[in-house]
Amino acid sequence: MLLSSCTNTQKEYVQTPSVPIPAHLLNDCLPEYIPQKFTWGDSLLLNESLLTVIEQCNLDKKSIREIEAARNNSTLH
């Protein structure tokens, strides 16, 4: 009993490597080729395609924010 009261325990924090952000989330969001001449119908299809590209870019940014938030939370604990 006397020996256990003399022990000295220390907390040691070890750095863990951070998880890299997946490369596909860092790729540029490239729009489709826009031809010089196209019809109104082509214009509507192009607008739909461009909106899809923007939506995917926003999802990628959201994923990056979630990864960063998880990193920040893990360093706090």
PDB file of N, CA and C in Angstrom:
ATOM      1  N   MET A   1       0.822  -1.185   0.000  1.00  0.00           N
ATOM      2  CA  MET A   1       0.000   0.000   0.000  1.00  0.00           C
ATOM      3  C   MET A   1       0.868   1.251   0.000  1.00  0.00           C
ATOM      4  N   LEU A   2       1.951   1.240   0.719  1.00  0.00           N
ATOM      5  CA  LEU A   2       2.819   2.409   0.761  1.00  0.00           C
ATOM      6  C   LEU A   2       3.522   2.651  -0.576  1.00  0.00           C
ATOM      7  N   LEU A   3       3.862   1.618  -1.277  1.00  0.00           N
ATOM      8  CA  LEU A   3       4.557   1.773  -2.546  1.00  0.00           C
ATOM      9  C   LEU A   3       3.653   2.348  -3.627  1.00  0.00           C
ATOM     10  N   SER A   4       2.412   2.031  -3.613  1.00  0.00           N
ATOM     11  CA  SER A   4       1.512   2.525  -4.653  1.00  0.00           C
ATOM     12  C   SER A   4       1.263   4.025  -4.510  1.00  0.00           C
ATOM     13  N   SER A   5       1.403   4.565  -3.349  1.00  0.00           N
ATOM     14  CA  SER A   5       1.198   6.001  -3.180  1.00  0.00           C
ATOM     15  C   SER A   5       2.398   6.804  -3.674  1.00  0.00           C
ATOM     16  N   CYS A   6       3.522   6.160  -3.899  1.00  0.00           N
ATOM     17  CA  CYS A   6       4.718   6.855  -4.359  1.00  0.00           C
ATOM     18  C   CYS A   6       4.855   6.846  -5.880  1.00  0.00           C
ATOM     19  N   THR A   7       4.012   6.123  -6.574  1.00  0.00           N
ATOM     20  CA  THR A   7       4.161   6.059  -8.028  1.00  0.00           C
ATOM     21  C   THR A   7       3.748   7.380  -8.651  1.00  0.00           C
ATOM     22  N   ASN A   8       4.382   7.665  -9.750  1.00  0.00           N
ATOM     23  CA  ASN A   8       4.108   8.914 -10.443  1.00  0.00           C
ATOM     24  C   ASN A   8       3.720   8.577 -11.881  1.00  0.00           C
ATOM     25  N   THR A   9       2.476   8.829 -12.255  1.00  0.00           N
ATOM     26  CA  THR A   9       2.037   8.545 -13.618  1.00  0.00           C
ATOM     27  C   THR A   9       1.989   9.846 -14.400  1.00  0.00           C
ATOM     28  N   GLN A  10       2.401   9.762 -15.642  1.00  0.00           N
ATOM     29  CA  GLN A  10       2.376  10.927 -16.514  1.00  0.00           C
ATOM     30  C   GLN A  10       1.575  10.595 -17.765  1.00  0.00           C
ATOM     31  N   LYS A  11       0.841  11.593 -18.235  1.00  0.00           N
ATOM     32  CA  LYS A  11       0.105  11.422 -19.476  1.00  0.00           C
ATOM     33  C   LYS A  11       1.032  11.815 -20.622  1.00  0.00           C
ATOM     34  N   GLU A  12       1.048  10.994 -21.626  1.00  0.00           N
ATOM     35  CA  GLU A  12       1.861  11.294 -22.789  1.00  0.00           C
ATOM     36  C   GLU A  12       0.942  11.325 -24.003  1.00  0.00           C
ATOM     37  N   TYR A  13       0.945  12.439 -24.719  1.00  0.00           N
ATOM     38  CA  TYR A  13       0.117  12.597 -25.899  1.00  0.00           C
ATOM     39  C   TYR A  13       0.962  12.302 -27.125  1.00  0.00           C
ATOM     40  N   VAL A  14       0.419  11.492 -27.985  1.00  0.00           N
ATOM     41  CA  VAL A  14       1.133  11.082 -29.186  1.00  0.00           C
ATOM     42  C   VAL A  14       0.437  11.691 -30.391  1.00  0.00           C
ATOM     43  N   GLN A  15       1.216  12.304 -31.255  1.00  0.00           N
ATOM     44  CA  GLN A  15       0.654  12.885 -32.477  1.00  0.00           C
ATOM     45  C   GLN A  15       0.272  11.770 -33.443  1.00  0.00           C
ATOM     46  N   THR A  16      -0.928  11.851 -33.951  1.00  0.00           N
ATOM     47  CA  THR A  16      -1.352  10.882 -34.958  1.00  0.00           C
ATOM     48  C   THR A  16      -1.343  11.589 -36.310  1.00  0.00           C
ATOM     49  N   PRO A  17      -0.973  10.881 -37.335  1.00  0.00           N
ATOM     50  CA  PRO A  17      -0.963  11.523 -38.656  1.00  0.00           C
ATOM     51  C   PRO A  17      -2.377  11.876 -39.087  1.00  0.00           C
ATOM     52  N   SER A  18      -2.514  13.036 -39.707  1.00  0.00           N
ATOM     53  CA  SER A  18      -3.844  13.439 -40.156  1.00  0.00           C
ATOM     54  C   SER A  18      -4.202  12.675 -41.425  1.00  0.00           C
ATOM     55  N   VAL A  19      -5.479  12.455 -41.584  1.00  0.00           N
ATOM     56  CA  VAL A  19      -5.967  11.742 -42.753  1.00  0.00           C
ATOM     57  C   VAL A  19      -5.967  12.723 -43.925  1.00  0.00           C
ATOM     58  N   PRO A  20      -5.321  12.353 -45.022  1.00  0.00           N
ATOM     59  CA  PRO A  20      -5.302  13.273 -46.164  1.00  0.00           C
ATOM     60  C   PRO A  20      -6.690  13.400 -46.793  1.00  0.00           C
ATOM     61  N   ILE A  21      -6.938  14.547 -47.356  1.00  0.00           N
ATOM     62  CA  ILE A  21      -8.200  14.768 -48.060  1.00  0.00           C
ATOM     63  C   ILE A  21      -8.123  14.004 -49.380  1.00  0.00           C
ATOM     64  N   PRO A  22      -9.142  13.211 -49.705  1.00  0.00           N
ATOM     65  CA  PRO A  22      -9.113  12.437 -50.950  1.00  0.00           C
ATOM     66  C   PRO A  22      -8.913  13.330 -52.175  1.00  0.00           C
ATOM     67  N   ALA A  23      -8.113  12.856 -53.099  1.00  0.00           N
ATOM     68  CA  ALA A  23      -7.753  13.642 -54.288  1.00  0.00           C
ATOM     69  C   ALA A  23      -8.978  14.037 -55.106  1.00  0.00           C
ATOM     70  N   HIS A  24      -9.979  13.156 -55.188  1.00  0.00           N
ATOM     71  CA  HIS A  24     -11.147  13.486 -56.011  1.00  0.00           C
ATOM     72  C   HIS A  24     -11.908  14.703 -55.478  1.00  0.00           C
ATOM     73  N   LEU A  25     -11.755  15.004 -54.190  1.00  0.00           N
ATOM     74  CA  LEU A  25     -12.418  16.185 -53.635  1.00  0.00           C
ATOM     75  C   LEU A  25     -11.656  17.463 -53.967  1.00  0.00           C
ATOM     76  N   LEU A  26     -10.404  17.330 -54.323  1.00  0.00           N
ATOM     77  CA  LEU A  26      -9.571  18.494 -54.621  1.00  0.00           C
ATOM     78  C   LEU A  26      -9.473  18.788 -56.118  1.00  0.00           C
ATOM     79  N   ASN A  27     -10.038  17.924 -56.943  1.00  0.00           N
ATOM     80  CA  ASN A  27      -9.997  18.148 -58.393  1.00  0.00           C
ATOM     81  C   ASN A  27     -10.798  19.387 -58.762  1.00  0.00           C
ATOM     82  N   ASP A  28     -10.358  20.046 -59.829  1.00  0.00           N
ATOM     83  CA  ASP A  28     -11.087  21.200 -60.332  1.00  0.00           C
ATOM     84  C   ASP A  28     -12.462  20.771 -60.838  1.00  0.00           C
ATOM     85  N   CYS A  29     -13.420  21.663 -60.718  1.00  0.00           N
ATOM     86  CA  CYS A  29     -14.761  21.426 -61.239  1.00  0.00           C
ATOM     87  C   CYS A  29     -14.830  22.077 -62.619  1.00  0.00           C
ATOM     88  N   LEU A  30     -14.717  21.257 -63.630  1.00  0.00           N
ATOM     89  CA  LEU A  30     -14.639  21.771 -64.994  1.00  0.00           C
ATOM     90  C   LEU A  30     -15.995  21.697 -65.681  1.00  0.00           C
ATOM     91  N   PRO A  31     -16.415  22.817 -66.290  1.00  0.00           N
ATOM     92  CA  PRO A  31     -17.671  22.784 -67.045  1.00  0.00           C
ATOM     93  C   PRO A  31     -17.459  22.063 -68.379  1.00  0.00           C
ATOM     94  N   GLU A  32     -18.549  21.671 -68.984  1.00  0.00           N
ATOM     95  CA  GLU A  32     -18.481  21.049 -70.298  1.00  0.00           C
ATOM     96  C   GLU A  32     -18.072  22.077 -71.343  1.00  0.00           C
ATOM     97  N   TYR A  33     -17.620  21.567 -72.459  1.00  0.00           N
ATOM     98  CA  TYR A  33     -17.256  22.428 -73.589  1.00  0.00           C
ATOM     99  C   TYR A  33     -18.498  23.173 -74.070  1.00  0.00           C
ATOM    100  N   ILE A  34     -18.368  24.466 -74.303  1.00  0.00           N
ATOM    101  CA  ILE A  34     -19.487  25.276 -74.793  1.00  0.00           C
ATOM    102  C   ILE A  34     -19.216  25.589 -76.265  1.00  0.00           C
ATOM    103  N   PRO A  35     -20.010  25.023 -77.158  1.00  0.00           N
ATOM    104  CA  PRO A  35     -19.789  25.278 -78.587  1.00  0.00           C
ATOM    105  C   PRO A  35     -20.183  26.699 -78.970  1.00  0.00           C
ATOM    106  N   GLN A  36     -19.637  27.164 -80.085  1.00  0.00           N
ATOM    107  CA  GLN A  36     -19.962  28.516 -80.564  1.00  0.00           C
ATOM    108  C   GLN A  36     -21.428  28.635 -80.977  1.00  0.00           C
ATOM    109  N   LYS A  37     -21.922  27.607 -81.625  1.00  0.00           N
ATOM    110  CA  LYS A  37     -23.315  27.630 -82.083  1.00  0.00           C
ATOM    111  C   LYS A  37     -24.061  26.469 -81.446  1.00  0.00           C
ATOM    112  N   PHE A  38     -25.213  26.800 -80.881  1.00  0.00           N
ATOM    113  CA  PHE A  38     -26.088  25.747 -80.377  1.00  0.00           C
ATOM    114  C   PHE A  38     -27.505  26.275 -80.295  1.00  0.00           C
ATOM    115  N   THR A  39     -28.450  25.353 -80.217  1.00  0.00           N
ATOM    116  CA  THR A  39     -29.865  25.711 -80.233  1.00  0.00           C
ATOM    117  C   THR A  39     -30.338  26.056 -78.821  1.00  0.00           C
ATOM    118  N   TRP A  40     -31.581  26.518 -78.739  1.00  0.00           N
ATOM    119  CA  TRP A  40     -32.154  26.796 -77.423  1.00  0.00           C
ATOM    120  C   TRP A  40     -32.230  25.507 -76.606  1.00  0.00           C
ATOM    121  N   GLY A  41     -32.566  24.421 -77.264  1.00  0.00           N
ATOM    122  CA  GLY A  41     -32.618  23.125 -76.574  1.00  0.00           C
ATOM    123  C   GLY A  41     -31.246  22.727 -76.055  1.00  0.00           C
ATOM    124  N   ASP A  42     -30.195  22.977 -76.870  1.00  0.00           N
ATOM    125  CA  ASP A  42     -28.827  22.706 -76.426  1.00  0.00           C
ATOM    126  C   ASP A  42     -28.473  23.564 -75.215  1.00  0.00           C
ATOM    127  N   SER A  43     -28.989  24.807 -75.248  1.00  0.00           N
ATOM    128  CA  SER A  43     -28.726  25.731 -74.139  1.00  0.00           C
ATOM    129  C   SER A  43     -29.333  25.208 -72.837  1.00  0.00           C
ATOM    130  N   LEU A  44     -30.537  24.662 -72.923  1.00  0.00           N
ATOM    131  CA  LEU A  44     -31.180  24.115 -71.728  1.00  0.00           C
ATOM    132  C   LEU A  44     -30.392  22.923 -71.190  1.00  0.00           C
ATOM    133  N   LEU A  45     -29.929  22.050 -72.084  1.00  0.00           N
ATOM    134  CA  LEU A  45     -29.138  20.896 -71.653  1.00  0.00           C
ATOM    135  C   LEU A  45     -27.814  21.342 -71.036  1.00  0.00           C
ATOM    136  N   LEU A  46     -27.211  22.368 -71.624  1.00  0.00           N
ATOM    137  CA  LEU A  46     -25.957  22.894 -71.084  1.00  0.00           C
ATOM    138  C   LEU A  46     -26.180  23.487 -69.695  1.00  0.00           C
ATOM    139  N   ASN A  47     -27.266  24.227 -69.512  1.00  0.00           N
ATOM    140  CA  ASN A  47     -27.569  24.789 -68.197  1.00  0.00           C
ATOM    141  C   ASN A  47     -27.748  23.701 -67.153  1.00  0.00           C
ATOM    142  N   GLU A  48     -28.435  22.627 -67.526  1.00  0.00           N
ATOM    143  CA  GLU A  48     -28.623  21.503 -66.604  1.00  0.00           C
ATOM    144  C   GLU A  48     -27.275  20.886 -66.236  1.00  0.00           C
ATOM    145  N   SER A  49     -26.416  20.728 -67.228  1.00  0.00           N
ATOM    146  CA  SER A  49     -25.092  20.160 -66.994  1.00  0.00           C
ATOM    147  C   SER A  49     -24.256  21.061 -66.083  1.00  0.00           C
ATOM    148  N   LEU A  50     -24.299  22.359 -66.338  1.00  0.00           N
ATOM    149  CA  LEU A  50     -23.528  23.303 -65.512  1.00  0.00           C
ATOM    150  C   LEU A  50     -24.027  23.320 -64.070  1.00  0.00           C
ATOM    151  N   LEU A  51     -25.331  23.244 -63.888  1.00  0.00           N
ATOM    152  CA  LEU A  51     -25.876  23.190 -62.529  1.00  0.00           C
ATOM    153  C   LEU A  51     -25.460  21.908 -61.817  1.00  0.00           C
ATOM    154  N   THR A  52     -25.366  20.809 -62.551  1.00  0.00           N
ATOM    155  CA  THR A  52     -24.902  19.548 -61.968  1.00  0.00           C
ATOM    156  C   THR A  52     -23.454  19.662 -61.530  1.00  0.00           C
ATOM    157  N   VAL A  53     -22.623  20.330 -62.340  1.00  0.00           N
ATOM    158  CA  VAL A  53     -21.218  20.537 -61.978  1.00  0.00           C
ATOM    159  C   VAL A  53     -21.120  21.374 -60.704  1.00  0.00           C
ATOM    160  N   ILE A  54     -21.912  22.420 -60.604  1.00  0.00           N
ATOM    161  CA  ILE A  54     -21.903  23.270 -59.409  1.00  0.00           C
ATOM    162  C   ILE A  54     -22.368  22.475 -58.187  1.00  0.00           C
ATOM    163  N   GLU A  55     -23.408  21.666 -58.359  1.00  0.00           N
ATOM    164  CA  GLU A  55     -23.905  20.844 -57.246  1.00  0.00           C
ATOM    165  C   GLU A  55     -22.830  19.877 -56.753  1.00  0.00           C
ATOM    166  N   GLN A  56     -22.116  19.230 -57.682  1.00  0.00           N
ATOM    167  CA  GLN A  56     -21.058  18.293 -57.296  1.00  0.00           C
ATOM    168  C   GLN A  56     -19.914  19.025 -56.601  1.00  0.00           C
ATOM    169  N   CYS A  57     -19.580  20.213 -57.088  1.00  0.00           N
ATOM    170  CA  CYS A  57     -18.528  21.010 -56.432  1.00  0.00           C
ATOM    171  C   CYS A  57     -18.922  21.361 -55.000  1.00  0.00           C
ATOM    172  N   ASN A  58     -20.170  21.726 -54.804  1.00  0.00           N
ATOM    173  CA  ASN A  58     -20.632  22.058 -53.461  1.00  0.00           C
ATOM    174  C   ASN A  58     -20.601  20.838 -52.541  1.00  0.00           C
ATOM    175  N   LEU A  59     -20.920  19.652 -53.087  1.00  0.00           N
ATOM    176  CA  LEU A  59     -20.834  18.429 -52.285  1.00  0.00           C
ATOM    177  C   LEU A  59     -19.383  18.130 -51.906  1.00  0.00           C
ATOM    178  N   ASP A  60     -18.464  18.373 -52.844  1.00  0.00           N
ATOM    179  CA  ASP A  60     -17.043  18.173 -52.546  1.00  0.00           C
ATOM    180  C   ASP A  60     -16.582  19.118 -51.440  1.00  0.00           C
ATOM    181  N   LYS A  61     -16.991  20.365 -51.523  1.00  0.00           N
ATOM    182  CA  LYS A  61     -16.610  21.346 -50.496  1.00  0.00           C
ATOM    183  C   LYS A  61     -17.192  20.958 -49.133  1.00  0.00           C
ATOM    184  N   LYS A  62     -18.421  20.463 -49.135  1.00  0.00           N
ATOM    185  CA  LYS A  62     -19.050  20.016 -47.889  1.00  0.00           C
ATOM    186  C   LYS A  62     -18.262  18.862 -47.280  1.00  0.00           C
ATOM    187  N   SER A  63     -17.838  17.931 -48.125  1.00  0.00           N
ATOM    188  CA  SER A  63     -17.041  16.798 -47.634  1.00  0.00           C
ATOM    189  C   SER A  63     -15.723  17.262 -47.039  1.00  0.00           C
ATOM    190  N   ILE A  64     -15.092  18.237 -47.681  1.00  0.00           N
ATOM    191  CA  ILE A  64     -13.835  18.780 -47.151  1.00  0.00           C
ATOM    192  C   ILE A  64     -14.067  19.440 -45.800  1.00  0.00           C
ATOM    193  N   ARG A  65     -15.160  20.214 -45.674  1.00  0.00           N
ATOM    194  CA  ARG A  65     -15.473  20.843 -44.379  1.00  0.00           C
ATOM    195  C   ARG A  65     -15.708  19.796 -43.298  1.00  0.00           C
ATOM    196  N   GLU A  66     -16.376  18.691 -43.641  1.00  0.00           N
ATOM    197  CA  GLU A  66     -16.624  17.626 -42.668  1.00  0.00           C
ATOM    198  C   GLU A  66     -15.315  16.959 -42.234  1.00  0.00           C
ATOM    199  N   ILE A  67     -14.412  16.750 -43.175  1.00  0.00           N
ATOM    200  CA  ILE A  67     -13.105  16.164 -42.842  1.00  0.00           C
ATOM    201  C   ILE A  67     -12.340  17.093 -41.911  1.00  0.00           C
ATOM    202  N   GLU A  68     -12.331  18.375 -42.227  1.00  0.00           N
ATOM    203  CA  GLU A  68     -11.632  19.356 -41.393  1.00  0.00           C
ATOM    204  C   GLU A  68     -12.259  19.448 -40.001  1.00  0.00           C
ATOM    205  N   ALA A  69     -13.584  19.385 -39.932  1.00  0.00           N
ATOM    206  CA  ALA A  69     -14.256  19.432 -38.626  1.00  0.00           C
ATOM    207  C   ALA A  69     -13.886  18.213 -37.796  1.00  0.00           C
ATOM    208  N   ALA A  70     -13.825  17.040 -38.449  1.00  0.00           N
ATOM    209  CA  ALA A  70     -13.445  15.818 -37.722  1.00  0.00           C
ATOM    210  C   ALA A  70     -12.001  15.922 -37.232  1.00  0.00           C
ATOM    211  N   ARG A  71     -11.128  16.516 -38.036  1.00  0.00           N
ATOM    212  CA  ARG A  71      -9.740  16.714 -37.605  1.00  0.00           C
ATOM    213  C   ARG A  71      -9.666  17.623 -36.379  1.00  0.00           C
ATOM    214  N   ASN A  72     -10.414  18.711 -36.451  1.00  0.00           N
ATOM    215  CA  ASN A  72     -10.409  19.670 -35.338  1.00  0.00           C
ATOM    216  C   ASN A  72     -10.977  19.057 -34.067  1.00  0.00           C
ATOM    217  N   ASN A  73     -12.026  18.255 -34.205  1.00  0.00           N
ATOM    218  CA  ASN A  73     -12.606  17.607 -33.027  1.00  0.00           C
ATOM    219  C   ASN A  73     -11.669  16.573 -32.430  1.00  0.00           C
ATOM    220  N   SER A  74     -10.915  15.888 -33.283  1.00  0.00           N
ATOM    221  CA  SER A  74     -10.013  14.853 -32.760  1.00  0.00           C
ATOM    222  C   SER A  74      -8.810  15.480 -32.063  1.00  0.00           C
ATOM    223  N   THR A  75      -8.402  16.698 -32.440  1.00  0.00           N
ATOM    224  CA  THR A  75      -7.274  17.335 -31.774  1.00  0.00           C
ATOM    225  C   THR A  75      -7.685  17.935 -30.442  1.00  0.00           C
ATOM    226  N   LEU A  76      -8.973  18.157 -30.260  1.00  0.00           N
ATOM    227  CA  LEU A  76      -9.445  18.734 -28.991  1.00  0.00           C
ATOM    228  C   LEU A  76      -9.531  17.688 -27.900  1.00  0.00           C
ATOM    229  N   HIS A  77      -9.670  16.430 -28.262  1.00  0.00           N
ATOM    230  CA  HIS A  77      -9.857  15.368 -27.256  1.00  0.00           C
ATOM    231  C   HIS A  77      -8.571  14.662 -26.977  1.00  0.00           C
TER     232      HIS A  77
END
